[in-house]
């Protein structure tokens, strides 16, 4: 399954190029504040600045908070914040070195940008790189693998999630990392490799659950998938796989339970500690708002104008077909089934939740973490497509990227009340040059004073309106030229890893 040695460098260069383009695109837009990201940033500040898990000093900027024993806490799972802590600790002295007080308003905004880049955008970009190599592994050419990776990053709601201090992009990256590590476990040729790849599966899949509680079933599927990859290789390999996956998962379980006990004195999820008047549906509708998959909600999160994935990213319609083609190959059948099962779980979960629109959001946010694995199918869809259908895929991808660009350039936090916010709000705002519309801040009310909302990097250098997108488009243009130069002399058949 490994590529010939003379072709590896070009694919590695392509992977680096894809990762750089995705990362730059993700960090180009700073989306400002909102309940979700503020809750997590409040916890980060509490840990770094006050050495506590209580967000009492910051909690007025969010309603996404738990209340226990007279104190306020973030209601979110802690994985994203814990990953962001090292970036915050490194950023604070770096800011001071360039003359910015890390605890000033300007410094806190810079800190929020840096931790979002490090703990959200970077893993999401690496997830795109991982998706590129998965496409190659499954028999796609470099063009198809790159198509899947770029569409996942820039042609789906993942672009919006990767630029916000939300958990969905990190969880999606963790799931695709665990998926890839499970496949590498099948290729391992040493006892040490068996254990380390299995450990990687346990850590990546486990951290997805530490970051977002609903990831637990997907994490369990990936753990079982990893064990299935080791099973044919004999008893010793099976036990090493069990030990590795178990050790990684145990570390994550200990981290999560330690946090819950330290914060709340028990082991119930943090969502169980809402004030009685906050999110009452969490107590009144099923288990924490979960009931059963509602067919009408499922249709709306797939096809609806408010949160439908296929309106936000029409090219994704080809992904299930690609997974079906992957599943027809005996050696990849189980991988296709696992990717499809995780995607199905997330959509059914979203359709089961009372608050299925997920507040201010772009696309089906509660199902967002499955997007990278779902996009595995796009590489195969491209590879199997005829020239005519490839042109159709390119057209759908262009529409998807345009929609995502319009959203992240204006605001990724689309109204829940609007029946079709992309058409009614995003489209007219974008084409009239009204960009970076969110005025909410990630800081406290006293610190923000109505300022420090969204911006993009072009605006920071003085560009206004549509002109502020020029640096981003320029980077894309340079990347396209570099890609063409890397592969211009190779025939289509030479780009495929056999």
Protein backbone atom coordinates (compact mmCIF):
# COMPACT_ATOMS: atom_id res chain seq x y z
CA UNK A 1 0.00 0.00 0.00
CA UNK A 2 2.98 2.33 0.27
CA UNK A 3 3.85 4.58 -2.64
CA UNK A 4 7.04 4.03 -4.61
CA UNK A 5 9.93 5.85 -3.02
CA UNK A 6 10.49 8.18 -5.97
CA UNK A 7 6.94 9.50 -5.66
CA UNK A 8 6.78 9.99 -1.92
CA UNK A 9 8.51 13.42 -1.87
CA UNK A 10 6.03 14.92 -4.33
CA UNK A 11 3.08 13.67 -2.29
CA UNK A 12 4.69 14.97 0.88
CA UNK A 13 5.16 18.36 -0.71
CA UNK A 14 1.55 18.27 -1.86
CA UNK A 15 0.43 17.39 1.66
CA UNK A 16 2.41 20.30 3.12
CA UNK A 17 0.93 22.64 0.52
CA UNK A 18 -2.60 21.49 1.35
CA UNK A 19 -1.97 21.86 5.08
CA UNK A 20 -0.57 25.38 4.70
CA UNK A 21 -3.46 26.52 2.49
CA UNK A 22 -6.06 25.09 4.87
CA UNK A 23 -4.39 26.53 7.97
CA UNK A 24 -4.00 29.98 6.45
CA UNK A 25 -7.60 29.93 5.26
CA UNK A 26 -8.83 28.89 8.72
CA UNK A 27 -6.92 31.62 10.55
CA UNK A 28 -7.68 34.32 7.99
CA UNK A 29 -11.03 35.04 9.64
CA UNK A 30 -11.51 35.85 13.31
CA UNK A 31 -15.19 35.25 14.03
CA UNK A 32 -15.58 37.15 17.30
CA UNK A 33 -17.56 36.06 20.32
CA UNK A 34 -20.66 34.05 21.14
CA UNK A 35 -21.97 31.91 23.95
CA UNK A 36 -20.19 28.73 22.84
CA UNK A 37 -16.68 30.09 22.31
CA UNK A 38 -16.97 32.50 25.23
CA UNK A 39 -17.77 29.66 27.62
CA UNK A 40 -14.60 27.83 26.62
CA UNK A 41 -12.44 30.95 26.57
CA UNK A 42 -13.70 31.88 30.02
CA UNK A 43 -12.50 28.51 31.32
CA UNK A 44 -9.16 28.97 29.60
CA UNK A 45 -8.72 32.37 31.18
CA UNK A 46 -9.75 31.03 34.58
CA UNK A 47 -7.11 28.29 34.37
CA UNK A 48 -4.28 30.47 33.03
CA UNK A 49 -4.97 33.72 34.89
CA UNK A 50 -6.61 32.58 38.13
CA UNK A 51 -5.59 28.91 38.41
CA UNK A 52 -9.14 27.76 38.98
CA UNK A 53 -11.90 25.98 37.07
CA UNK A 54 -14.49 28.52 38.20
CA UNK A 55 -15.43 31.16 35.62
CA UNK A 56 -17.10 33.51 38.12
CA UNK A 57 -15.00 36.47 36.97
CA UNK A 58 -16.02 36.10 33.33
CA UNK A 59 -19.39 34.33 33.19
CA UNK A 60 -21.57 37.30 32.27
CA UNK A 61 -20.50 37.07 28.62
CA UNK A 62 -22.21 33.68 28.08
CA UNK A 63 -25.28 31.65 28.92
CA UNK A 64 -23.44 28.40 28.15
CA UNK A 65 -22.46 27.84 31.76
CA UNK A 66 -23.05 25.43 34.59
CA UNK A 67 -23.79 26.41 38.18
CA UNK A 68 -22.74 24.35 41.16
CA UNK A 69 -22.11 25.11 44.85
CA UNK A 70 -22.48 28.84 44.30
CA UNK A 71 -19.97 29.06 41.45
CA UNK A 72 -20.11 29.19 37.66
CA UNK A 73 -18.31 26.78 35.35
CA UNK A 74 -18.19 26.18 31.63
CA UNK A 75 -20.86 23.71 30.61
CA UNK A 76 -18.59 22.28 27.91
CA UNK A 77 -16.41 19.21 27.96
CA UNK A 78 -12.85 20.38 28.70
CA UNK A 79 -10.76 18.78 25.96
CA UNK A 80 -10.45 21.81 23.70
CA UNK A 81 -9.55 24.10 26.59
CA UNK A 82 -6.94 21.69 27.95
CA UNK A 83 -5.35 21.49 24.49
CA UNK A 84 -5.37 25.29 24.27
CA UNK A 85 -3.65 25.84 27.62
CA UNK A 86 -0.10 25.22 26.30
CA UNK A 87 -0.72 27.65 23.44
CA UNK A 88 -1.96 30.25 25.92
CA UNK A 89 1.01 29.76 28.22
CA UNK A 90 3.41 30.17 25.29
CA UNK A 91 1.52 33.15 23.84
CA UNK A 92 1.48 35.28 26.99
CA UNK A 93 5.28 35.82 27.25
CA UNK A 94 5.49 36.12 23.46
CA UNK A 95 2.96 38.95 23.54
CA UNK A 96 4.93 40.69 26.26
CA UNK A 97 8.06 40.39 24.12
CA UNK A 98 6.38 42.40 21.36
CA UNK A 99 5.13 45.02 23.80
CA UNK A 100 1.55 43.81 24.32
CA UNK A 101 0.24 43.33 27.84
CA UNK A 102 -1.22 39.80 27.77
CA UNK A 103 -3.94 40.80 30.27
CA UNK A 104 -4.96 43.98 28.49
CA UNK A 105 -8.01 44.01 26.25
CA UNK A 106 -5.84 43.92 23.16
CA UNK A 107 -3.76 41.13 24.62
CA UNK A 108 -6.81 39.01 25.48
CA UNK A 109 -8.17 39.37 21.94
CA UNK A 110 -4.78 38.37 20.56
CA UNK A 111 -4.73 35.42 22.97
CA UNK A 112 -8.19 34.28 21.81
CA UNK A 113 -6.98 34.41 18.20
CA UNK A 114 -3.80 32.49 18.97
CA UNK A 115 -5.46 29.68 20.93
CA UNK A 116 -8.13 29.29 18.26
CA UNK A 117 -5.39 29.00 15.65
CA UNK A 118 -3.37 26.52 17.71
CA UNK A 119 -6.04 24.32 19.25
CA UNK A 120 -8.70 24.40 16.51
CA UNK A 121 -7.35 25.55 13.12
CA UNK A 122 -4.09 23.59 13.32
CA UNK A 123 -5.67 20.20 14.16
CA UNK A 124 -8.33 20.81 11.50
CA UNK A 125 -5.64 21.54 8.88
CA UNK A 126 -3.72 18.43 9.93
CA UNK A 127 -6.99 16.52 9.61
CA UNK A 128 -7.13 17.69 6.00
CA UNK A 129 -3.58 16.44 5.44
CA UNK A 130 -4.55 13.11 6.99
CA UNK A 131 -7.56 12.94 4.68
CA UNK A 132 -5.24 13.50 1.70
CA UNK A 133 -3.12 10.49 2.66
CA UNK A 134 -6.23 8.40 3.32
CA UNK A 135 -7.39 9.15 -0.22
CA UNK A 136 -4.04 7.95 -1.55
CA UNK A 137 -4.21 4.84 0.58
CA UNK A 138 -7.64 3.93 -0.73
CA UNK A 139 -6.43 4.05 -4.32
CA UNK A 140 -7.25 7.57 -5.38
CA UNK A 141 -4.82 9.68 -7.33
CA UNK A 142 -3.24 12.77 -5.85
CA UNK A 143 -5.87 14.89 -7.59
CA UNK A 144 -8.76 13.00 -6.01
CA UNK A 145 -7.12 12.93 -2.58
CA UNK A 146 -6.46 16.67 -2.75
CA UNK A 147 -10.02 17.27 -3.96
CA UNK A 148 -11.39 15.53 -0.87
CA UNK A 149 -9.05 17.34 1.53
CA UNK A 150 -9.62 20.81 0.08
CA UNK A 151 -13.38 20.37 -0.19
CA UNK A 152 -13.55 19.16 3.40
CA UNK A 153 -11.64 22.19 4.61
CA UNK A 154 -12.97 24.94 2.35
CA UNK A 155 -16.21 23.61 0.90
CA UNK A 156 -18.12 22.48 3.98
CA UNK A 157 -19.14 24.04 7.31
CA UNK A 158 -15.84 22.71 8.66
CA UNK A 159 -14.25 25.98 7.50
CA UNK A 160 -16.52 27.88 9.85
CA UNK A 161 -15.97 25.47 12.74
CA UNK A 162 -12.18 25.58 12.26
CA UNK A 163 -12.13 29.35 12.75
CA UNK A 164 -14.13 29.39 15.97
CA UNK A 165 -13.16 28.34 19.49
CA UNK A 166 -15.68 25.51 19.19
CA UNK A 167 -15.08 21.79 19.61
CA UNK A 168 -16.46 20.36 16.37
CA UNK A 169 -13.38 20.83 14.18
CA UNK A 170 -11.07 19.40 16.83
CA UNK A 171 -13.34 16.40 17.36
CA UNK A 172 -13.57 15.80 13.62
CA UNK A 173 -9.76 15.91 13.39
CA UNK A 174 -9.39 13.50 16.33
CA UNK A 175 -11.79 11.03 14.71
CA UNK A 176 -9.96 11.05 11.39
CA UNK A 177 -6.60 10.71 13.21
CA UNK A 178 -7.92 7.66 15.08
CA UNK A 179 -9.32 6.21 11.85
CA UNK A 180 -5.97 6.58 10.08
CA UNK A 181 -4.04 5.18 13.06
CA UNK A 182 -6.31 2.11 13.09
CA UNK A 183 -5.46 1.49 9.43
CA UNK A 184 -1.75 1.87 10.18
CA UNK A 185 -2.14 -0.77 12.87
CA UNK A 186 -2.95 -3.28 10.13
CA UNK A 187 0.32 -2.39 8.36
CA UNK A 188 2.53 -2.49 11.44
CA UNK A 189 5.43 -4.95 11.29
CA UNK A 190 6.75 -4.74 14.86
CA UNK A 191 5.50 -5.21 18.39
CA UNK A 192 6.44 -1.64 19.24
CA UNK A 193 4.55 -0.34 16.22
CA UNK A 194 1.48 -2.38 17.17
CA UNK A 195 1.33 -0.83 20.61
CA UNK A 196 2.10 2.73 19.51
CA UNK A 197 -0.48 2.80 16.70
CA UNK A 198 -3.06 1.31 19.04
CA UNK A 199 -2.14 3.89 21.66
CA UNK A 200 -2.62 6.62 19.06
CA UNK A 201 -6.11 5.29 18.34
CA UNK A 202 -6.99 5.29 22.05
CA UNK A 203 -5.65 8.80 22.62
CA UNK A 204 -7.18 10.37 19.50
CA UNK A 205 -10.58 8.71 19.83
CA UNK A 206 -10.60 9.23 23.58
CA UNK A 207 -9.69 12.91 23.29
CA UNK A 208 -12.62 13.36 20.92
CA UNK A 209 -14.89 12.35 23.82
CA UNK A 210 -12.99 14.50 26.32
CA UNK A 211 -13.64 17.39 23.91
CA UNK A 212 -17.30 16.63 23.19
CA UNK A 213 -19.39 14.11 25.12
CA UNK A 214 -21.49 12.99 22.10
CA UNK A 215 -18.33 11.67 20.44
CA UNK A 216 -18.30 8.65 22.77
CA UNK A 217 -20.16 6.23 20.43
CA UNK A 218 -17.94 7.25 17.50
CA UNK A 219 -14.86 6.78 19.68
CA UNK A 220 -16.05 3.29 20.63
CA UNK A 221 -16.57 2.39 16.96
CA UNK A 222 -13.03 3.46 16.15
CA UNK A 223 -11.62 1.46 19.05
CA UNK A 224 -13.38 -1.66 17.79
CA UNK A 225 -12.22 -0.89 14.26
CA UNK A 226 -8.62 -0.76 15.50
CA UNK A 227 -8.96 -4.12 17.22
CA UNK A 228 -10.44 -5.62 14.05
CA UNK A 229 -7.34 -4.51 12.14
CA UNK A 230 -5.08 -6.34 14.59
CA UNK A 231 -7.26 -9.43 14.94
CA UNK A 232 -6.07 -11.43 11.89
CA UNK A 233 -2.44 -11.10 12.94
CA UNK A 234 -2.62 -13.43 15.91
CA UNK A 235 -3.03 -13.45 19.68
CA UNK A 236 0.07 -11.45 20.58
CA UNK A 237 -0.86 -8.62 18.23
CA UNK A 238 -4.43 -8.62 19.55
CA UNK A 239 -3.25 -8.18 23.12
CA UNK A 240 -0.86 -5.41 22.15
CA UNK A 241 -3.71 -3.66 20.37
CA UNK A 242 -5.99 -4.06 23.36
CA UNK A 243 -3.27 -2.73 25.66
CA UNK A 244 -2.53 0.28 23.44
CA UNK A 245 -6.13 1.28 22.80
CA UNK A 246 -6.98 0.67 26.46
CA UNK A 247 -4.05 2.73 27.73
CA UNK A 248 -4.91 5.68 25.48
CA UNK A 249 -8.59 5.53 26.35
CA UNK A 250 -7.82 5.19 30.07
CA UNK A 251 -5.68 8.34 30.03
CA UNK A 252 -8.55 10.26 28.46
CA UNK A 253 -11.13 8.84 30.86
CA UNK A 254 -8.96 9.80 33.85
CA UNK A 255 -8.57 13.36 32.52
CA UNK A 256 -12.31 13.78 31.99
CA UNK A 257 -13.36 12.27 35.30
CA UNK A 258 -10.70 14.23 37.19
CA UNK A 259 -12.03 17.45 35.68
CA UNK A 260 -15.65 16.65 36.50
CA UNK A 261 -14.78 15.72 40.07
CA UNK A 262 -12.59 18.78 40.59
CA UNK A 263 -15.23 21.13 39.20
CA UNK A 264 -18.48 19.56 40.38
CA UNK A 265 -17.55 17.01 43.00
CA UNK A 266 -19.07 14.18 40.96
CA UNK A 267 -18.92 12.43 37.61
CA UNK A 268 -22.07 13.62 35.85
CA UNK A 269 -21.57 15.54 32.57
CA UNK A 270 -21.23 19.28 33.02
CA UNK A 271 -24.50 19.78 31.13
CA UNK A 272 -26.27 18.31 34.17
CA UNK A 273 -25.50 21.43 36.23
CA UNK A 274 -27.55 24.07 34.45
CA UNK A 275 -29.60 26.52 36.47
CA UNK A 276 -33.26 25.38 36.51
CA UNK A 277 -34.25 28.34 34.31
CA UNK A 278 -31.50 27.80 31.73
CA UNK A 279 -32.09 25.45 28.81
CA UNK A 280 -35.10 23.90 30.49
CA UNK A 281 -35.55 21.50 27.57
CA UNK A 282 -32.40 19.69 28.74
CA UNK A 283 -34.34 18.56 31.81
CA UNK A 284 -37.78 18.21 30.23
CA UNK A 285 -37.05 16.51 26.89
CA UNK A 286 -35.69 12.98 27.14
CA UNK A 287 -32.13 12.65 28.44
CA UNK A 288 -30.52 16.09 28.36
CA UNK A 289 -32.60 17.08 25.33
CA UNK A 290 -32.14 13.77 23.49
CA UNK A 291 -35.16 11.71 22.50
CA UNK A 292 -35.17 9.70 19.25
CA UNK A 293 -34.34 10.50 15.61
CA UNK A 294 -37.14 12.63 14.15
CA UNK A 295 -37.50 12.07 10.38
CA UNK A 296 -38.51 15.69 9.75
CA UNK A 297 -35.42 16.99 11.55
CA UNK A 298 -33.20 14.55 9.68
CA UNK A 299 -34.55 15.84 6.37
CA UNK A 300 -34.01 19.43 7.49
CA UNK A 301 -30.38 18.90 8.55
CA UNK A 302 -29.72 17.24 5.20
CA UNK A 303 -31.78 19.31 2.76
CA UNK A 304 -33.27 22.24 4.67
CA UNK A 305 -32.56 25.87 3.87
CA UNK A 306 -31.81 26.78 7.48
CA UNK A 307 -29.23 24.16 8.47
CA UNK A 308 -29.12 21.66 5.61
CA UNK A 309 -25.69 20.22 4.85
CA UNK A 310 -26.42 19.81 1.15
CA UNK A 311 -27.40 23.46 0.79
CA UNK A 312 -24.24 24.50 2.66
CA UNK A 313 -22.09 22.02 0.72
CA UNK A 314 -23.79 20.50 -2.33
CA UNK A 315 -20.65 18.60 -3.35
CA UNK A 316 -21.04 16.35 -0.28
CA UNK A 317 -23.86 14.59 -2.13
CA UNK A 318 -21.11 12.56 -3.86
CA UNK A 319 -19.50 11.38 -0.60
CA UNK A 320 -21.89 8.49 0.18
CA UNK A 321 -21.44 7.18 -3.37
CA UNK A 322 -17.67 7.26 -2.88
CA UNK A 323 -17.97 5.34 0.39
CA UNK A 324 -20.17 2.79 -1.36
CA UNK A 325 -17.50 2.33 -4.04
CA UNK A 326 -14.86 2.00 -1.32
CA UNK A 327 -16.97 -0.64 0.41
CA UNK A 328 -17.13 -2.72 -2.75
CA UNK A 329 -13.40 -3.38 -2.40
CA UNK A 330 -13.00 -6.26 0.02
CA UNK A 331 -9.79 -4.94 1.57
CA UNK A 332 -11.43 -1.59 2.42
CA UNK A 333 -14.99 -2.73 3.13
CA UNK A 334 -14.80 -2.42 6.90
CA UNK A 335 -13.16 1.01 6.71
CA UNK A 336 -16.01 2.24 4.49
CA UNK A 337 -18.60 0.78 6.86
CA UNK A 338 -17.02 2.44 9.89
CA UNK A 339 -16.80 5.86 8.19
CA UNK A 340 -20.41 5.58 7.04
CA UNK A 341 -21.59 4.34 10.45
CA UNK A 342 -19.98 7.28 12.26
CA UNK A 343 -21.55 9.74 9.81
CA UNK A 344 -24.95 8.05 10.22
CA UNK A 345 -24.63 8.16 14.01
CA UNK A 346 -23.95 11.89 14.03
CA UNK A 347 -26.86 12.74 11.76
CA UNK A 348 -29.21 10.57 13.82
CA UNK A 349 -27.89 12.21 16.99
CA UNK A 350 -28.53 15.67 15.56
CA UNK A 351 -32.04 14.61 14.52
CA UNK A 352 -32.67 13.31 18.05
CA UNK A 353 -31.83 16.55 19.81
CA UNK A 354 -34.58 18.97 20.80
CA UNK A 355 -32.39 22.00 19.98
CA UNK A 356 -31.47 20.52 16.59
CA UNK A 357 -30.69 23.86 14.91
CA UNK A 358 -27.81 24.31 17.37
CA UNK A 359 -28.32 28.02 17.98
CA UNK A 360 -26.29 30.47 15.88
CA UNK A 361 -24.63 28.11 13.46
CA UNK A 362 -23.74 27.25 9.88
CA UNK A 363 -24.96 23.85 8.73
CA UNK A 364 -25.86 20.94 11.04
CA UNK A 365 -23.38 21.80 13.78
CA UNK A 366 -24.13 18.85 16.05
CA UNK A 367 -23.29 16.53 13.15
CA UNK A 368 -20.25 18.57 12.12
CA UNK A 369 -17.60 16.29 13.59
CA UNK A 370 -18.40 13.54 11.07
CA UNK A 371 -17.62 15.73 8.04
CA UNK A 372 -13.94 14.71 7.67
CA UNK A 373 -14.74 10.99 7.68
CA UNK A 374 -17.70 11.53 5.38
CA UNK A 375 -15.39 13.31 2.94
CA UNK A 376 -13.24 10.18 2.63
CA UNK A 377 -15.81 9.22 0.02
CA UNK A 378 -15.08 12.29 -2.11
CA UNK A 379 -11.64 11.00 -3.08
CA UNK A 380 -13.16 7.78 -4.42
CA UNK A 381 -16.02 9.65 -6.07
CA UNK A 382 -13.46 11.75 -7.96
CA UNK A 383 -11.35 8.74 -8.87
CA UNK A 384 -14.31 6.79 -10.29
CA UNK A 385 -15.96 9.73 -12.05
CA UNK A 386 -15.88 10.11 -15.82
CA UNK A 387 -14.49 13.39 -17.25
CA UNK A 388 -18.04 14.72 -17.58
CA UNK A 389 -18.94 13.90 -13.99
CA UNK A 390 -15.66 15.37 -12.79
CA UNK A 391 -16.72 18.65 -14.32
CA UNK A 392 -19.97 18.34 -12.38
CA UNK A 393 -18.01 17.68 -9.19
CA UNK A 394 -15.82 20.72 -9.86
CA UNK A 395 -18.93 22.85 -10.32
CA UNK A 396 -20.50 21.56 -7.10
CA UNK A 397 -17.20 22.08 -5.26
CA UNK A 398 -16.94 25.66 -6.54
CA UNK A 399 -20.47 26.38 -5.31
CA UNK A 400 -19.64 24.80 -1.95
CA UNK A 401 -16.46 26.84 -1.51
CA UNK A 402 -18.27 30.03 -2.49
CA UNK A 403 -21.02 29.42 0.07
CA UNK A 404 -18.49 28.66 2.80
CA UNK A 405 -16.41 31.73 1.87
CA UNK A 406 -19.47 33.98 1.99
CA UNK A 407 -20.38 32.65 5.41
CA UNK A 408 -16.96 32.88 7.07
CA UNK A 409 -16.35 36.29 5.50
CA UNK A 410 -19.60 37.72 6.90
CA UNK A 411 -20.49 35.66 9.98
CA UNK A 412 -20.44 31.94 10.69
CA UNK A 413 -23.04 32.32 13.42
CA UNK A 414 -26.20 32.35 11.33
CA UNK A 415 -29.56 33.23 12.82
CA UNK A 416 -31.68 30.37 14.10
CA UNK A 417 -34.94 32.24 13.45
CA UNK A 418 -34.23 32.98 9.77
CA UNK A 419 -35.73 30.27 7.55
CA UNK A 420 -32.89 30.58 5.02
CA UNK A 421 -30.08 32.77 6.38
CA UNK A 422 -27.60 32.02 3.58
CA UNK A 423 -30.01 33.43 1.02
CA UNK A 424 -31.61 36.16 3.11
CA UNK A 425 -28.59 37.47 5.02
CA UNK A 426 -25.25 36.03 3.92
CA UNK A 427 -25.60 36.51 0.15
CA UNK A 428 -26.61 40.19 0.17
CA UNK A 429 -24.13 41.11 2.91
CA UNK A 430 -21.21 39.44 1.11
CA UNK A 431 -21.83 40.93 -2.32
CA UNK A 432 -22.30 44.40 -0.85
CA UNK A 433 -18.92 44.13 0.89
CA UNK A 434 -20.29 43.96 4.43
CA UNK A 435 -17.77 41.57 5.98
CA UNK A 436 -16.88 40.57 9.56
CA UNK A 437 -20.33 41.47 10.86
CA UNK A 438 -20.25 39.89 14.31
CA UNK A 439 -19.77 42.60 16.91
CA UNK A 440 -19.85 40.20 19.87
CA UNK A 441 -16.58 39.82 21.76
CA UNK A 442 -14.99 36.86 23.52
CA UNK A 443 -14.14 39.17 26.40
CA UNK A 444 -16.29 40.20 29.33
CA UNK A 445 -18.87 42.93 28.89
CA UNK A 446 -16.74 45.41 30.82
CA UNK A 447 -13.65 44.68 28.74
CA UNK A 448 -15.23 44.66 25.29
CA UNK A 449 -17.38 47.82 25.55
CA UNK A 450 -19.03 46.98 22.23
CA UNK A 451 -15.70 46.49 20.42
CA UNK A 452 -13.31 43.67 19.58
CA UNK A 453 -15.66 41.66 17.41
CA UNK A 454 -14.88 39.87 14.14
CA UNK A 455 -12.21 40.82 11.61
CA UNK A 456 -10.12 39.28 8.85
CA UNK A 457 -6.40 39.61 8.22
CA UNK A 458 -6.92 41.79 5.17
CA UNK A 459 -8.76 44.33 7.29
CA UNK A 460 -5.85 44.40 9.73
CA UNK A 461 -3.59 45.73 6.97
CA UNK A 462 -6.08 48.39 5.96
CA UNK A 463 -8.09 46.71 3.21
CA UNK A 464 -11.84 47.23 3.23
CA UNK A 465 -14.86 45.45 1.82
CA UNK A 466 -14.25 42.75 -0.77
CA UNK A 467 -10.67 43.98 -1.19
CA UNK A 468 -9.89 42.56 2.26
CA UNK A 469 -10.13 39.06 0.73
CA UNK A 470 -7.32 39.78 -1.74
CA UNK A 471 -4.47 38.26 0.34
CA UNK A 472 -6.46 35.04 0.84
CA UNK A 473 -7.24 34.71 -2.87
CA UNK A 474 -3.60 35.48 -3.68
CA UNK A 475 -2.42 32.61 -1.47
CA UNK A 476 -4.89 30.31 -3.18
CA UNK A 477 -3.57 31.40 -6.57
CA UNK A 478 0.05 30.79 -5.59
CA UNK A 479 -0.90 27.37 -4.20
CA UNK A 480 -2.63 26.45 -7.47
CA UNK A 481 0.49 27.37 -9.45
CA UNK A 482 2.71 25.34 -7.11
CA UNK A 483 0.39 22.34 -7.40
CA UNK A 484 0.47 22.58 -11.20
CA UNK A 485 4.27 22.74 -11.19
CA UNK A 486 4.52 19.66 -8.95
CA UNK A 487 2.30 17.46 -11.09
CA UNK A 488 2.41 18.97 -14.58
CA UNK A 489 4.73 16.30 -16.00
CA UNK A 490 3.01 13.30 -14.47
CA UNK A 491 0.32 11.28 -16.15
CA UNK A 492 -2.91 10.62 -14.24
CA UNK A 493 -1.94 7.01 -13.69
CA UNK A 494 1.35 8.08 -12.08
CA UNK A 495 -0.49 9.98 -9.38
CA UNK A 496 -2.16 6.95 -7.89
CA UNK A 497 -0.70 5.05 -4.96
CA UNK A 498 -1.06 1.33 -5.54
